[in-house]
Amino acid sequence: MKEDKKKKSVDWLRKRFRLVVLNDETFEERFSFKLTMGGLIILIGATTMVMTFLVISLVAFTSLREYIPGYGDVNMRRQLISLSVKVDSLENSQQAKDWYIQNLGNVLNGKLETQSGKQIKDTSINYKDINIRPSYQDSMMRNEIERQDKFTLNLSDKPKSMQSISSFFFFSPVAGRVTNSFNLTQAHYGVDIVGKENEIIKSTLDGTVVFSGWSSTDGYVIQVQHSNNLMSIYKHNSDLTKAVGDYVKAGEPIAIIGNSGEVSFGMHLHFELWYNGNPINPQDYIVF
C-alpha cells in the first residue's frame, strides 16, 4: 500500500500539463507551454525565495528601514546619547548647587553637624591580652637610628612635608569644550579648550608670574609658578593682564582668550601643567 501511494505521488508530480492562452473571440492560440506539478512547485519556491531576498535587501540597504517600528536612525541615537549625557551633567550640577545652598543655609542658621567626642569601645576585643611592649630587636634598632640622626647635618634625611598635588583644588582657567587632549606620543603636552571670544583666562592656583610675553609659534604666553614645583602655562592668548613678578590668586584674571601664534587655528586656550619638570595631564585634576 505504501509503495502504491508513493508511486502515485511520483506519477502525479511527473504528470504533464499544457497551459494554453487563447483569444476569447477567435479562439486563436496565443502561446502555450508544458509543465509538470513538480516543476510548478519548484518554480513557485524559487520565485518566493528571490522575492524574499529582494524585499530584505530593499529594506536593509535603503531608507525604508526607518519606517520599521522599533528601528531608529543612527544620527537620532547619537543625539539621544548626547542629550542623555547633558541631562546627567545638568542633574549633577543641580544637585551640587542644592547641596551647597542647603549647607550654606545650615551655616547661616547655626545648624552645624558635630561629631560626638565620645568614642564607642569595641567590647568584642579583649584589650588586656594585647602586647604593646616593643621587642628587644625593635628597641635596639630604634636606639641605633636615633644615634645616627642625633649628629647628622644632612637636611635631605629629614622627612619632607610635601603635599601631593592631588589634594590641590585646581581652578578651571576657562569654561569650554576640550577639542584636543593631552598626548605625550604626539608631543602635545596640554589640552586645547575652545571658548567664547573675549573670554577671561584665570589662574588655576595661587602663584607668581615667571613669564609674560610673545612667542611666534604660541602667540601671547603667560606662565605661573605655583608651590610644590608646579607650573601652569597658558598659550595663544589675545592679551595678557599680568606682568613678570606679579603674584596672582586662584581664579584671578591673567589673560584674554585668543587665536595668536603660528600653530593656532581658532579661538582657544592651550593649557599645560608641569610638575617637577614633567608634563602632566590637566584633565586628571581639572574638569573643564
C-alpha atoms as a PDB file:
ATOM      1  CA  MET A   1       0.000   0.000   0.000  1.00  0.00           C
ATOM      2  CA  LYS A   2       2.760   2.435   0.888  1.00  0.00           C
ATOM      3  CA  GLU A   3       4.619   1.692  -2.356  1.00  0.00           C
ATOM      4  CA  ASP A   4       1.437   2.269  -4.345  1.00  0.00           C
ATOM      5  CA  LYS A   5       0.833   5.644  -2.648  1.00  0.00           C
ATOM      6  CA  LYS A   6       4.472   6.614  -3.234  1.00  0.00           C
ATOM      7  CA  LYS A   7       4.234   5.622  -6.898  1.00  0.00           C
ATOM      8  CA  LYS A   8       1.007   7.566  -7.335  1.00  0.00           C
ATOM      9  CA  SER A   9       2.602  10.665  -5.768  1.00  0.00           C
ATOM     10  CA  VAL A  10       5.623  10.423  -8.072  1.00  0.00           C
ATOM     11  CA  ASP A  11       3.362   9.931 -11.098  1.00  0.00           C
ATOM     12  CA  TRP A  12       1.271  12.949 -10.044  1.00  0.00           C
ATOM     13  CA  LEU A  13       4.375  15.130  -9.809  1.00  0.00           C
ATOM     14  CA  ARG A  14       5.591  13.900 -13.218  1.00  0.00           C
ATOM     15  CA  LYS A  15       2.227  14.261 -14.939  1.00  0.00           C
ATOM     16  CA  ARG A  16       2.487  16.805 -17.729  1.00  0.00           C
ATOM     17  CA  PHE A  17       0.060  19.646 -18.273  1.00  0.00           C
ATOM     18  CA  ARG A  18      -0.215  22.213 -21.018  1.00  0.00           C
ATOM     19  CA  LEU A  19      -1.127  25.825 -20.277  1.00  0.00           C
ATOM     20  CA  VAL A  20      -2.729  27.465 -23.312  1.00  0.00           C
ATOM     21  CA  VAL A  21      -3.732  31.102 -23.740  1.00  0.00           C
ATOM     22  CA  LEU A  22      -6.472  31.659 -26.388  1.00  0.00           C
ATOM     23  CA  ASN A  23      -8.117  34.666 -27.950  1.00  0.00           C
ATOM     24  CA  ASP A  24     -11.594  34.888 -26.443  1.00  0.00           C
ATOM     25  CA  GLU A  25     -13.245  35.898 -29.733  1.00  0.00           C
ATOM     26  CA  THR A  26     -11.415  33.868 -32.376  1.00  0.00           C
ATOM     27  CA  PHE A  27     -10.132  31.103 -30.118  1.00  0.00           C
ATOM     28  CA  GLU A  28      -6.727  31.651 -31.691  1.00  0.00           C
ATOM     29  CA  GLU A  29      -3.903  30.181 -29.682  1.00  0.00           C
ATOM     30  CA  ARG A  30      -1.561  32.931 -28.488  1.00  0.00           C
ATOM     31  CA  PHE A  31       1.039  30.877 -26.606  1.00  0.00           C
ATOM     32  CA  SER A  32       1.310  27.699 -24.621  1.00  0.00           C
ATOM     33  CA  PHE A  33       3.890  25.837 -22.594  1.00  0.00           C
ATOM     34  CA  LYS A  34       4.172  22.469 -20.936  1.00  0.00           C
ATOM     35  CA  LEU A  35       4.807  21.938 -17.238  1.00  0.00           C
ATOM     36  CA  THR A  36       4.624  19.339 -14.507  1.00  0.00           C
ATOM     37  CA  MET A  37       3.388  19.671 -10.940  1.00  0.00           C
ATOM     38  CA  GLY A  38       6.934  19.151  -9.627  1.00  0.00           C
ATOM     39  CA  GLY A  39       8.304  21.868 -11.891  1.00  0.00           C
ATOM     40  CA  LEU A  40       5.463  24.190 -10.874  1.00  0.00           C
ATOM     41  CA  ILE A  41       6.280  23.682  -7.187  1.00  0.00           C
ATOM     42  CA  ILE A  42       9.996  24.349  -7.848  1.00  0.00           C
ATOM     43  CA  LEU A  43       9.132  27.469  -9.864  1.00  0.00           C
ATOM     44  CA  ILE A  44       6.886  28.827  -7.098  1.00  0.00           C
ATOM     45  CA  GLY A  45       9.537  28.104  -4.427  1.00  0.00           C
ATOM     46  CA  ALA A  46      12.350  29.758  -6.416  1.00  0.00           C
ATOM     47  CA  THR A  47      10.175  32.802  -7.128  1.00  0.00           C
ATOM     48  CA  THR A  48       9.292  33.092  -3.445  1.00  0.00           C
ATOM     49  CA  MET A  49      12.977  32.943  -2.392  1.00  0.00           C
ATOM     50  CA  VAL A  50      14.002  35.564  -4.961  1.00  0.00           C
ATOM     51  CA  MET A  51      11.185  37.913  -3.905  1.00  0.00           C
ATOM     52  CA  THR A  52      12.066  37.445  -0.235  1.00  0.00           C
ATOM     53  CA  PHE A  53      15.740  38.272  -0.904  1.00  0.00           C
ATOM     54  CA  LEU A  54      14.781  41.362  -2.907  1.00  0.00           C
ATOM     55  CA  VAL A  55      12.425  42.624  -0.175  1.00  0.00           C
ATOM     56  CA  ILE A  56      15.021  42.088   2.584  1.00  0.00           C
ATOM     57  CA  SER A  57      17.722  43.847   0.518  1.00  0.00           C
ATOM     58  CA  LEU A  58      15.387  46.735  -0.249  1.00  0.00           C
ATOM     59  CA  VAL A  59      14.581  47.219   3.436  1.00  0.00           C
ATOM     60  CA  ALA A  60      18.151  46.713   4.704  1.00  0.00           C
ATOM     61  CA  PHE A  61      20.008  48.968   2.256  1.00  0.00           C
ATOM     62  CA  THR A  62      17.515  51.772   1.648  1.00  0.00           C
ATOM     63  CA  SER A  63      15.815  54.401   3.786  1.00  0.00           C
ATOM     64  CA  LEU A  64      12.701  52.225   4.038  1.00  0.00           C
ATOM     65  CA  ARG A  65      14.153  50.612   7.168  1.00  0.00           C
ATOM     66  CA  GLU A  66      13.426  53.821   9.076  1.00  0.00           C
ATOM     67  CA  TYR A  67       9.694  53.091   8.733  1.00  0.00           C
ATOM     68  CA  ILE A  68      10.031  49.755  10.538  1.00  0.00           C
ATOM     69  CA  PRO A  69       8.572  50.011  14.085  1.00  0.00           C
ATOM     70  CA  GLY A  70      11.349  49.981  16.682  1.00  0.00           C
ATOM     71  CA  TYR A  71      14.144  50.865  14.253  1.00  0.00           C
ATOM     72  CA  GLY A  72      15.788  54.251  14.865  1.00  0.00           C
ATOM     73  CA  ASP A  73      18.095  56.409  12.825  1.00  0.00           C
ATOM     74  CA  VAL A  74      21.810  56.312  13.723  1.00  0.00           C
ATOM     75  CA  ASN A  75      22.013  60.112  13.972  1.00  0.00           C
ATOM     76  CA  MET A  76      18.942  60.139  16.187  1.00  0.00           C
ATOM     77  CA  ARG A  77      20.595  57.625  18.513  1.00  0.00           C
ATOM     78  CA  ARG A  78      23.704  59.798  18.726  1.00  0.00           C
ATOM     79  CA  GLN A  79      21.584  62.828  19.526  1.00  0.00           C
ATOM     80  CA  LEU A  80      19.722  60.877  22.215  1.00  0.00           C
ATOM     81  CA  ILE A  81      23.015  59.753  23.801  1.00  0.00           C
ATOM     82  CA  SER A  82      24.364  63.318  23.707  1.00  0.00           C
ATOM     83  CA  LEU A  83      21.168  64.673  25.250  1.00  0.00           C
ATOM     84  CA  SER A  84      21.252  61.963  27.924  1.00  0.00           C
ATOM     85  CA  VAL A  85      24.830  62.927  28.878  1.00  0.00           C
ATOM     86  CA  LYS A  86      23.872  66.612  29.034  1.00  0.00           C
ATOM     87  CA  VAL A  87      20.834  65.829  31.199  1.00  0.00           C
ATOM     88  CA  ASP A  88      23.017  63.805  33.588  1.00  0.00           C
ATOM     89  CA  SER A  89      25.514  66.676  33.789  1.00  0.00           C
ATOM     90  CA  LEU A  90      22.734  69.193  34.463  1.00  0.00           C
ATOM     91  CA  GLU A  91      21.261  66.922  37.115  1.00  0.00           C
ATOM     92  CA  ASN A  92      24.613  66.526  38.882  1.00  0.00           C
ATOM     93  CA  SER A  93      25.219  70.271  38.680  1.00  0.00           C
ATOM     94  CA  GLN A  94      21.768  70.989  40.096  1.00  0.00           C
ATOM     95  CA  GLN A  95      22.300  68.521  42.952  1.00  0.00           C
ATOM     96  CA  ALA A  96      25.654  70.128  43.770  1.00  0.00           C
ATOM     97  CA  LYS A  97      24.024  73.559  43.823  1.00  0.00           C
ATOM     98  CA  ASP A  98      21.204  72.291  46.057  1.00  0.00           C
ATOM     99  CA  TRP A  99      23.715  70.777  48.493  1.00  0.00           C
ATOM    100  CA  TYR A 100      25.725  73.997  48.503  1.00  0.00           C
ATOM    101  CA  ILE A 101      22.649  76.124  49.210  1.00  0.00           C
ATOM    102  CA  GLN A 102      21.487  73.727  51.921  1.00  0.00           C
ATOM    103  CA  ASN A 103      24.888  73.690  53.641  1.00  0.00           C
ATOM    104  CA  LEU A 104      25.154  77.462  53.344  1.00  0.00           C
ATOM    105  CA  GLY A 105      21.726  77.810  54.954  1.00  0.00           C
ATOM    106  CA  ASN A 106      22.751  75.474  57.771  1.00  0.00           C
ATOM    107  CA  VAL A 107      25.893  77.536  58.397  1.00  0.00           C
ATOM    108  CA  LEU A 108      23.947  80.808  58.446  1.00  0.00           C
ATOM    109  CA  ASN A 109      21.331  79.356  60.790  1.00  0.00           C
ATOM    110  CA  GLY A 110      23.940  77.809  63.078  1.00  0.00           C
ATOM    111  CA  LYS A 111      22.843  74.244  62.322  1.00  0.00           C
ATOM    112  CA  LEU A 112      26.256  72.631  62.241  1.00  0.00           C
ATOM    113  CA  GLU A 113      26.586  68.871  62.480  1.00  0.00           C
ATOM    114  CA  THR A 114      29.204  67.946  65.053  1.00  0.00           C
ATOM    115  CA  GLN A 115      30.558  64.546  65.854  1.00  0.00           C
ATOM    116  CA  SER A 116      30.366  63.232  69.373  1.00  0.00           C
ATOM    117  CA  GLY A 117      33.657  63.344  71.223  1.00  0.00           C
ATOM    118  CA  LYS A 118      32.964  60.019  72.930  1.00  0.00           C
ATOM    119  CA  GLN A 119      34.297  57.000  71.143  1.00  0.00           C
ATOM    120  CA  ILE A 120      32.385  53.751  71.260  1.00  0.00           C
ATOM    121  CA  LYS A 121      34.567  50.998  72.640  1.00  0.00           C
ATOM    122  CA  ASP A 122      34.537  47.690  70.842  1.00  0.00           C
ATOM    123  CA  THR A 123      33.628  45.154  73.524  1.00  0.00           C
ATOM    124  CA  SER A 124      34.294  42.171  71.238  1.00  0.00           C
ATOM    125  CA  ILE A 125      38.077  42.576  71.679  1.00  0.00           C
ATOM    126  CA  ASN A 126      39.943  41.837  74.896  1.00  0.00           C
ATOM    127  CA  TYR A 127      42.433  44.708  75.044  1.00  0.00           C
ATOM    128  CA  LYS A 128      44.176  43.275  78.132  1.00  0.00           C
ATOM    129  CA  ASP A 129      45.642  40.424  76.092  1.00  0.00           C
ATOM    130  CA  ILE A 130      47.274  42.728  73.524  1.00  0.00           C
ATOM    131  CA  ASN A 131      51.032  43.073  73.996  1.00  0.00           C
ATOM    132  CA  ILE A 132      52.045  46.657  73.206  1.00  0.00           C
ATOM    133  CA  ARG A 133      55.602  46.443  74.550  1.00  0.00           C
ATOM    134  CA  PRO A 134      58.343  46.743  71.900  1.00  0.00           C
ATOM    135  CA  SER A 135      60.533  43.733  71.311  1.00  0.00           C
ATOM    136  CA  TYR A 136      64.257  43.674  72.065  1.00  0.00           C
ATOM    137  CA  GLN A 137      65.194  43.844  68.355  1.00  0.00           C
ATOM    138  CA  ASP A 138      62.849  46.792  67.826  1.00  0.00           C
ATOM    139  CA  SER A 139      64.344  48.682  70.767  1.00  0.00           C
ATOM    140  CA  MET A 140      67.910  48.124  69.528  1.00  0.00           C
ATOM    141  CA  MET A 141      67.016  49.325  66.015  1.00  0.00           C
ATOM    142  CA  ARG A 142      65.345  52.470  67.355  1.00  0.00           C
ATOM    143  CA  ASN A 143      68.353  53.326  69.512  1.00  0.00           C
ATOM    144  CA  GLU A 144      70.714  52.871  66.569  1.00  0.00           C
ATOM    145  CA  ILE A 145      68.639  55.115  64.279  1.00  0.00           C
ATOM    146  CA  GLU A 146      68.291  57.772  66.979  1.00  0.00           C
ATOM    147  CA  ARG A 147      72.079  57.848  67.495  1.00  0.00           C
ATOM    148  CA  GLN A 148      72.626  58.261  63.744  1.00  0.00           C
ATOM    149  CA  ASP A 149      70.154  61.126  63.412  1.00  0.00           C
ATOM    150  CA  LYS A 150      71.337  62.917  66.541  1.00  0.00           C
ATOM    151  CA  PHE A 151      74.502  64.357  64.998  1.00  0.00           C
ATOM    152  CA  THR A 152      73.618  64.354  61.290  1.00  0.00           C
ATOM    153  CA  LEU A 153      73.822  67.599  59.317  1.00  0.00           C
ATOM    154  CA  ASN A 154      72.233  66.261  56.106  1.00  0.00           C
ATOM    155  CA  LEU A 155      68.966  68.107  55.693  1.00  0.00           C
ATOM    156  CA  SER A 156      67.776  65.721  52.998  1.00  0.00           C
ATOM    157  CA  ASP A 157      67.428  62.951  55.605  1.00  0.00           C
ATOM    158  CA  LYS A 158      64.662  64.876  57.351  1.00  0.00           C
ATOM    159  CA  PRO A 159      61.108  63.962  56.441  1.00  0.00           C
ATOM    160  CA  LYS A 160      59.576  66.250  53.859  1.00  0.00           C
ATOM    161  CA  SER A 161      56.111  67.660  54.368  1.00  0.00           C
ATOM    162  CA  MET A 162      55.401  67.780  50.643  1.00  0.00           C
ATOM    163  CA  GLN A 163      51.720  67.778  49.960  1.00  0.00           C
ATOM    164  CA  SER A 164      50.535  65.774  46.981  1.00  0.00           C
ATOM    165  CA  ILE A 165      49.122  67.871  44.140  1.00  0.00           C
ATOM    166  CA  SER A 166      46.106  65.591  44.033  1.00  0.00           C
ATOM    167  CA  SER A 167      44.871  67.351  47.170  1.00  0.00           C
ATOM    168  CA  PHE A 168      45.064  70.776  45.488  1.00  0.00           C
ATOM    169  CA  PHE A 169      41.869  72.490  44.358  1.00  0.00           C
ATOM    170  CA  PHE A 170      42.564  73.490  40.760  1.00  0.00           C
ATOM    171  CA  PHE A 171      40.513  76.375  39.394  1.00  0.00           C
ATOM    172  CA  SER A 172      39.359  75.894  35.794  1.00  0.00           C
ATOM    173  CA  PRO A 173      41.196  78.507  33.676  1.00  0.00           C
ATOM    174  CA  VAL A 174      38.316  78.826  31.210  1.00  0.00           C
ATOM    175  CA  ALA A 175      34.928  77.247  30.649  1.00  0.00           C
ATOM    176  CA  GLY A 176      34.690  75.494  27.305  1.00  0.00           C
ATOM    177  CA  ARG A 177      34.957  72.263  25.346  1.00  0.00           C
ATOM    178  CA  VAL A 178      38.172  70.232  25.108  1.00  0.00           C
ATOM    179  CA  THR A 179      38.949  69.618  21.434  1.00  0.00           C
ATOM    180  CA  ASN A 180      42.462  68.158  21.753  1.00  0.00           C
ATOM    181  CA  SER A 181      43.530  66.169  24.793  1.00  0.00           C
ATOM    182  CA  PHE A 182      46.917  65.515  26.389  1.00  0.00           C
ATOM    183  CA  ASN A 183      49.079  63.149  24.316  1.00  0.00           C
ATOM    184  CA  LEU A 184      52.764  62.515  25.027  1.00  0.00           C
ATOM    185  CA  THR A 185      53.312  60.411  21.885  1.00  0.00           C
ATOM    186  CA  GLN A 186      52.274  63.363  19.707  1.00  0.00           C
ATOM    187  CA  ALA A 187      54.253  65.881  21.803  1.00  0.00           C
ATOM    188  CA  HIS A 188      51.010  67.600  22.802  1.00  0.00           C
ATOM    189  CA  TYR A 189      51.757  68.457  26.438  1.00  0.00           C
ATOM    190  CA  GLY A 190      48.442  70.105  27.297  1.00  0.00           C
ATOM    191  CA  VAL A 191      44.778  70.430  26.376  1.00  0.00           C
ATOM    192  CA  ASP A 192      43.092  72.726  23.866  1.00  0.00           C
ATOM    193  CA  ILE A 193      39.918  74.349  25.191  1.00  0.00           C
ATOM    194  CA  VAL A 194      37.578  76.178  22.821  1.00  0.00           C
ATOM    195  CA  GLY A 195      35.848  79.147  24.447  1.00  0.00           C
ATOM    196  CA  LYS A 196      33.902  82.277  23.582  1.00  0.00           C
ATOM    197  CA  GLU A 197      35.548  85.383  22.172  1.00  0.00           C
ATOM    198  CA  ASN A 198      36.944  87.779  24.791  1.00  0.00           C
ATOM    199  CA  GLU A 199      36.633  85.065  27.458  1.00  0.00           C
ATOM    200  CA  ILE A 200      38.757  85.726  30.546  1.00  0.00           C
ATOM    201  CA  ILE A 201      41.607  83.307  31.340  1.00  0.00           C
ATOM    202  CA  LYS A 202      42.056  82.712  35.082  1.00  0.00           C
ATOM    203  CA  SER A 203      44.941  81.361  37.112  1.00  0.00           C
ATOM    204  CA  THR A 204      44.375  77.773  38.177  1.00  0.00           C
ATOM    205  CA  LEU A 205      46.246  78.188  41.514  1.00  0.00           C
ATOM    206  CA  ASP A 206      47.983  80.821  43.601  1.00  0.00           C
ATOM    207  CA  GLY A 207      51.408  81.667  42.250  1.00  0.00           C
ATOM    208  CA  THR A 208      53.877  84.116  40.729  1.00  0.00           C
ATOM    209  CA  VAL A 209      54.085  85.062  37.054  1.00  0.00           C
ATOM    210  CA  VAL A 210      57.512  83.995  35.761  1.00  0.00           C
ATOM    211  CA  PHE A 211      56.940  84.715  32.064  1.00  0.00           C
ATOM    212  CA  SER A 212      54.586  87.058  30.247  1.00  0.00           C
ATOM    213  CA  GLY A 213      55.364  87.776  26.625  1.00  0.00           C
ATOM    214  CA  TRP A 214      55.095  86.943  22.924  1.00  0.00           C
ATOM    215  CA  SER A 215      56.193  83.859  21.005  1.00  0.00           C
ATOM    216  CA  SER A 216      55.951  83.471  17.233  1.00  0.00           C
ATOM    217  CA  THR A 217      54.598  79.921  17.467  1.00  0.00           C
ATOM    218  CA  ASP A 218      52.451  80.197  20.614  1.00  0.00           C
ATOM    219  CA  GLY A 219      51.441  83.875  20.488  1.00  0.00           C
ATOM    220  CA  TYR A 220      50.885  85.613  23.806  1.00  0.00           C
ATOM    221  CA  VAL A 221      52.025  83.243  26.560  1.00  0.00           C
ATOM    222  CA  ILE A 222      51.917  83.562  30.337  1.00  0.00           C
ATOM    223  CA  GLN A 223      53.481  81.135  32.848  1.00  0.00           C
ATOM    224  CA  VAL A 224      52.673  80.977  36.547  1.00  0.00           C
ATOM    225  CA  GLN A 225      54.910  79.243  39.097  1.00  0.00           C
ATOM    226  CA  HIS A 226      52.986  77.583  41.948  1.00  0.00           C
ATOM    227  CA  SER A 227      54.045  75.803  45.111  1.00  0.00           C
ATOM    228  CA  ASN A 228      55.376  72.223  45.173  1.00  0.00           C
ATOM    229  CA  ASN A 229      57.334  72.853  41.957  1.00  0.00           C
ATOM    230  CA  LEU A 230      54.143  73.054  39.903  1.00  0.00           C
ATOM    231  CA  MET A 231      53.832  75.370  36.888  1.00  0.00           C
ATOM    232  CA  SER A 232      50.873  76.263  34.662  1.00  0.00           C
ATOM    233  CA  ILE A 233      51.230  77.616  31.103  1.00  0.00           C
ATOM    234  CA  TYR A 234      48.582  79.489  29.084  1.00  0.00           C
ATOM    235  CA  LYS A 235      49.158  79.919  25.316  1.00  0.00           C
ATOM    236  CA  HIS A 236      47.563  81.591  22.244  1.00  0.00           C
ATOM    237  CA  ASN A 237      46.042  84.482  24.229  1.00  0.00           C
ATOM    238  CA  SER A 238      44.932  87.742  22.611  1.00  0.00           C
ATOM    239  CA  ASP A 239      46.124  89.883  25.529  1.00  0.00           C
ATOM    240  CA  LEU A 240      47.960  89.492  28.862  1.00  0.00           C
ATOM    241  CA  THR A 241      46.843  91.297  32.027  1.00  0.00           C
ATOM    242  CA  LYS A 242      49.750  90.349  34.298  1.00  0.00           C
ATOM    243  CA  ALA A 243      53.482  91.031  34.128  1.00  0.00           C
ATOM    244  CA  VAL A 244      56.509  89.083  35.329  1.00  0.00           C
ATOM    245  CA  GLY A 245      56.778  89.148  39.111  1.00  0.00           C
ATOM    246  CA  ASP A 246      53.057  89.682  39.771  1.00  0.00           C
ATOM    247  CA  TYR A 247      51.534  87.474  42.432  1.00  0.00           C
ATOM    248  CA  VAL A 248      48.136  86.069  41.404  1.00  0.00           C
ATOM    249  CA  LYS A 249      45.404  84.250  43.288  1.00  0.00           C
ATOM    250  CA  ALA A 250      43.497  81.210  42.079  1.00  0.00           C
ATOM    251  CA  GLY A 251      40.688  82.365  39.794  1.00  0.00           C
ATOM    252  CA  GLU A 252      42.262  85.794  39.198  1.00  0.00           C
ATOM    253  CA  PRO A 253      42.174  87.008  35.543  1.00  0.00           C
ATOM    254  CA  ILE A 254      45.584  86.838  33.899  1.00  0.00           C
ATOM    255  CA  ALA A 255      44.821  86.922  30.138  1.00  0.00           C
ATOM    256  CA  ILE A 256      42.149  87.045  27.404  1.00  0.00           C
ATOM    257  CA  ILE A 257      41.444  84.044  25.184  1.00  0.00           C
ATOM    258  CA  GLY A 258      42.665  84.449  21.622  1.00  0.00           C
ATOM    259  CA  ASN A 259      43.996  82.961  18.408  1.00  0.00           C
ATOM    260  CA  SER A 260      47.590  84.208  18.390  1.00  0.00           C
ATOM    261  CA  GLY A 261      50.624  82.308  17.175  1.00  0.00           C
ATOM    262  CA  GLU A 262      51.510  80.347  14.056  1.00  0.00           C
ATOM    263  CA  VAL A 263      50.230  76.990  15.349  1.00  0.00           C
ATOM    264  CA  SER A 264      46.812  78.322  16.407  1.00  0.00           C
ATOM    265  CA  PHE A 265      43.832  77.731  14.130  1.00  0.00           C
ATOM    266  CA  GLY A 266      40.910  79.065  16.115  1.00  0.00           C
ATOM    267  CA  MET A 267      39.748  80.822  19.270  1.00  0.00           C
ATOM    268  CA  HIS A 268      41.020  78.590  22.076  1.00  0.00           C
ATOM    269  CA  LEU A 269      43.351  78.211  25.056  1.00  0.00           C
ATOM    270  CA  HIS A 270      46.257  75.777  25.111  1.00  0.00           C
ATOM    271  CA  PHE A 271      46.726  74.923  28.800  1.00  0.00           C
ATOM    272  CA  GLU A 272      49.625  72.930  30.252  1.00  0.00           C
ATOM    273  CA  LEU A 273      50.571  71.680  33.731  1.00  0.00           C
ATOM    274  CA  TRP A 274      54.187  70.788  34.603  1.00  0.00           C
ATOM    275  CA  TYR A 275      55.114  69.019  37.853  1.00  0.00           C
ATOM    276  CA  ASN A 276      58.778  68.566  38.812  1.00  0.00           C
ATOM    277  CA  GLY A 277      59.777  69.405  35.231  1.00  0.00           C
ATOM    278  CA  ASN A 278      57.479  66.810  33.659  1.00  0.00           C
ATOM    279  CA  PRO A 279      54.177  67.463  31.822  1.00  0.00           C
ATOM    280  CA  ILE A 280      51.029  66.009  33.386  1.00  0.00           C
ATOM    281  CA  ASN A 281      47.506  65.629  32.058  1.00  0.00           C
ATOM    282  CA  PRO A 282      45.385  68.575  33.252  1.00  0.00           C
ATOM    283  CA  GLN A 283      42.169  66.565  32.787  1.00  0.00           C
ATOM    284  CA  ASP A 284      43.265  64.299  35.656  1.00  0.00           C
ATOM    285  CA  TYR A 285      42.837  67.246  38.050  1.00  0.00           C
ATOM    286  CA  ILE A 286      40.503  69.753  36.390  1.00  0.00           C
ATOM    287  CA  VAL A 287      37.003  69.464  34.957  1.00  0.00           C
ATOM    288  CA  PHE A 288      36.707  71.977  32.136  1.00  0.00           C
END
